[in-house]
Protein backbone atom coordinates (compact mmCIF):
# COMPACT_ATOMS: atom_id res chain seq x y z
CA MET A 1 13.63 17.52 -4.40
CA SER A 2 11.58 17.13 -7.53
CA ASN A 3 11.17 13.39 -7.98
CA ILE A 4 7.98 12.26 -6.30
CA VAL A 5 7.49 8.71 -5.07
CA LEU A 6 3.90 7.91 -4.19
CA VAL A 7 3.95 5.37 -1.37
CA GLN A 8 0.58 3.63 -1.09
CA VAL A 9 -0.04 2.87 2.59
CA GLY A 10 -3.81 3.13 2.95
CA ASP A 11 -5.38 4.02 6.27
CA LEU A 12 -4.06 1.25 8.54
CA GLU A 13 -1.97 2.82 11.30
CA GLU A 14 0.25 -0.26 11.62
CA ASN A 15 1.37 0.22 8.01
CA HIS A 16 1.99 3.93 8.63
CA ILE A 17 4.30 3.13 11.54
CA ARG A 18 6.19 0.54 9.47
CA VAL A 19 6.58 2.80 6.43
CA LEU A 20 7.61 5.99 8.27
CA PRO A 21 11.32 4.98 8.57
CA LEU A 22 11.36 4.11 4.85
CA LEU A 23 9.93 7.55 3.99
CA LYS A 24 12.56 9.24 6.14
CA TYR A 25 15.32 7.16 4.55
CA MET A 26 14.11 7.98 1.03
CA ARG A 27 13.96 11.69 1.83
CA SER A 28 17.42 11.73 3.47
CA TYR A 29 19.45 9.62 1.05
CA TYR A 30 17.80 10.09 -2.34
CA ASP A 31 16.67 13.10 -4.33
CA VAL A 32 13.00 12.21 -3.88
CA ASP A 33 9.90 13.61 -2.25
CA PRO A 34 8.13 10.56 -0.80
CA ARG A 35 4.38 11.14 -0.56
CA PRO A 36 2.31 8.73 1.47
CA LEU A 37 -0.87 7.78 -0.38
CA VAL A 38 -3.67 7.37 2.16
CA TYR A 39 -7.35 6.86 1.46
CA SER A 40 -8.89 9.47 3.77
CA LYS A 41 -7.98 12.67 5.64
CA LYS A 42 -8.18 10.88 9.01
CA ALA A 43 -5.02 8.95 8.13
CA CYS A 44 -2.69 11.95 7.74
CA SER A 45 -1.69 12.90 11.28
CA LEU A 46 1.43 10.72 11.76
CA PHE A 47 2.83 11.76 8.39
CA ASN A 48 2.06 15.45 8.93
CA GLU A 49 3.81 15.31 12.34
CA HIS A 50 6.99 14.18 10.54
CA GLY A 51 6.87 16.73 7.72
CA PHE A 52 5.38 14.53 5.00
CA PHE A 53 2.51 15.67 2.82
CA PRO A 54 0.18 12.78 2.11
CA GLU A 55 -1.90 12.52 -1.02
CA ILE A 56 -5.45 11.60 -0.06
CA LEU A 57 -7.12 9.30 -2.56
CA SER A 58 -10.66 10.38 -1.62
CA ASP A 59 -9.74 13.95 -2.63
CA TYR A 60 -9.47 12.68 -6.21
CA TYR A 61 -12.86 10.96 -6.36
CA GLY A 62 -14.79 13.93 -7.73
CA GLU A 63 -17.32 13.21 -10.44
CA GLN A 64 -17.18 9.83 -12.09
CA SER A 65 -16.08 9.63 -15.67
CA ASN A 66 -15.51 6.66 -17.90
CA LEU A 67 -11.78 6.97 -18.40
CA ALA A 68 -11.28 3.43 -19.63
CA PRO A 69 -12.94 0.05 -19.31
CA LEU A 70 -11.98 -1.55 -16.03
CA ASP A 71 -10.58 -5.03 -15.86
CA PHE A 72 -12.37 -6.24 -12.75
CA GLN A 73 -10.95 -9.74 -13.27
CA ALA A 74 -7.45 -8.30 -12.72
CA ILE A 75 -8.45 -5.89 -9.94
CA PHE A 76 -10.16 -8.63 -7.92
CA GLU A 77 -7.96 -11.58 -8.91
CA THR A 78 -7.32 -12.66 -5.32
CA GLU A 79 -10.99 -12.52 -4.34
CA LEU A 80 -12.01 -14.38 -7.51
CA ALA A 81 -9.45 -17.12 -6.84
CA ILE A 82 -11.28 -17.81 -3.58
CA ASN A 83 -14.85 -17.32 -4.86
CA GLU A 84 -15.55 -17.38 -8.63
CA SER A 85 -18.88 -15.57 -8.20
CA TYR A 86 -17.41 -12.80 -5.99
CA LEU A 87 -18.28 -10.00 -8.44
CA LYS A 88 -21.92 -11.13 -8.53
CA SER A 89 -22.30 -11.09 -4.74
CA GLU A 90 -23.66 -8.09 -2.81
CA GLN A 91 -20.25 -7.51 -1.24
CA GLY A 92 -18.60 -7.77 -4.67
CA SER A 93 -21.06 -5.28 -6.19
CA LYS A 94 -20.23 -2.73 -3.51
CA LYS A 95 -16.49 -3.33 -4.03
CA VAL A 96 -16.89 -2.90 -7.81
CA PHE A 97 -18.59 0.48 -7.31
CA LEU A 98 -15.83 1.61 -4.93
CA ALA A 99 -13.12 0.25 -7.25
CA SER A 100 -14.54 2.35 -10.09
CA LYS A 101 -14.19 5.47 -7.94
CA GLN A 102 -10.70 4.40 -6.85
CA TYR A 103 -9.63 3.68 -10.43
CA ASN A 104 -10.70 7.13 -11.61
CA ALA A 105 -8.99 8.70 -8.59
CA CYS A 106 -5.74 6.79 -9.28
CA VAL A 107 -5.77 7.89 -12.93
CA LYS A 108 -6.25 11.53 -11.86
CA LEU A 109 -3.51 11.21 -9.25
CA LEU A 110 -1.02 9.79 -11.75
CA LYS A 111 -1.88 12.57 -14.21
CA LYS A 112 -1.02 15.09 -11.48
CA PHE A 113 2.37 13.39 -10.95
CA PRO A 114 3.34 12.11 -14.43
CA THR A 115 7.03 11.58 -13.60
CA CYS A 116 6.52 9.82 -10.30
CA ALA A 117 7.50 6.36 -9.16
CA LEU A 118 5.28 4.12 -7.04
CA ALA A 119 5.72 2.04 -3.92
CA ILE A 120 2.69 -0.24 -3.75
CA TRP A 121 1.55 -2.08 -0.64
CA ASN A 122 1.37 -5.76 -1.59
CA GLY A 123 0.22 -5.20 -5.19
CA ARG A 124 -1.98 -8.32 -5.33
CA THR A 125 -4.56 -7.79 -2.62
CA GLY A 126 -6.85 -4.81 -2.32
CA ALA A 127 -8.38 -2.88 -5.18
CA VAL A 128 -6.15 0.20 -4.90
CA ALA A 129 -2.94 -1.88 -4.88
CA ASN A 130 -4.10 -3.85 -7.91
CA ILE A 131 -5.24 -0.71 -9.72
CA LEU A 132 -1.88 0.98 -9.12
CA ARG A 133 0.03 -2.15 -10.21
CA ILE A 134 -2.03 -2.40 -13.42
CA LEU A 135 -1.68 1.33 -14.19
CA ALA A 136 2.06 1.24 -13.47
CA ALA A 137 2.56 -1.64 -15.92
CA LYS A 138 0.35 -0.02 -18.56
CA ASN A 139 2.09 3.37 -18.29
CA GLN A 140 5.62 2.09 -17.63
CA ILE A 141 5.81 3.75 -14.22
CA PRO A 142 8.69 2.41 -12.11
CA CYS A 143 7.48 0.74 -8.95
CA ILE A 144 8.45 -1.36 -5.98
CA PHE A 145 6.23 -3.42 -3.72
CA LEU A 146 5.97 -3.33 0.07
CA GLU A 147 4.75 -5.84 2.63
CA ARG A 148 5.03 -6.44 6.35
CA GLY A 149 8.46 -7.88 7.07
CA VAL A 150 9.40 -10.95 9.09
CA VAL A 151 10.96 -8.88 11.87
CA PRO A 152 8.31 -7.03 13.93
CA GLY A 153 7.87 -3.47 12.67
CA SER A 154 9.85 -4.09 9.48
CA VAL A 155 8.94 -3.75 5.81
CA PHE A 156 9.89 -6.11 2.97
CA VAL A 157 10.63 -4.34 -0.31
CA GLY A 158 10.61 -6.17 -3.65
CA ARG A 159 11.02 -5.11 -7.28
CA GLU A 160 8.86 -7.89 -8.74
CA GLY A 161 6.29 -8.17 -5.96
CA VAL A 162 5.92 -9.60 -2.49
CA ASN A 163 5.03 -12.95 -0.99
CA GLY A 164 4.63 -15.51 -3.81
CA PHE A 165 5.38 -12.86 -6.45
CA CYS A 166 8.75 -11.68 -5.10
CA GLU A 167 12.17 -12.39 -6.56
CA LEU A 168 12.79 -15.02 -3.88
CA ALA A 169 9.85 -17.09 -5.15
CA SER A 170 11.16 -17.04 -8.72
CA THR A 171 11.72 -20.41 -10.37
CA GLU A 172 14.96 -19.09 -11.86
CA MET A 173 16.31 -18.53 -8.38
CA PHE A 174 15.31 -21.99 -7.15
CA PRO A 175 15.39 -24.35 -10.14
CA GLU A 176 13.53 -27.61 -9.85
CA THR A 177 15.68 -30.68 -9.33
CA ASP A 178 15.03 -34.36 -9.97
CA GLY A 179 14.67 -36.47 -6.88
């Protein structure tokens, strides 16, 4: 297996449990090496128990470098939709600092795996998901999006996004009618 698929799952155990069957399916039926992308070492145990080798985002933090100007409007679009002054708040300032570290780490990670594909959790909420979505679009990296499914323990997978950004929410699929 040489094709790596980075599967962003973060550190939430509930997401790990939901994604584990998908990782097993990908490994069994496709010529891919699915790598869970967690944020810290403490989130690796379930994946290690099942023979997966997580990539740990915090391992890529290292020293900060200005790789490119960050588009914080895009990274925090959901938060800004709720509160226009989010980036100026104390909480926003802390998130901006962390997002800078996460952005640099994601760039380093994608340089390590230049031929990978991505599976991104949600893709519209959370700095890492937004950063990965933006980098995937910029670098033409194939990706899919994941979200908690309707059935307990399930995962929804979409090519365009999830929730209001998925194929099912497309206006082409459900054209407006008069009346």
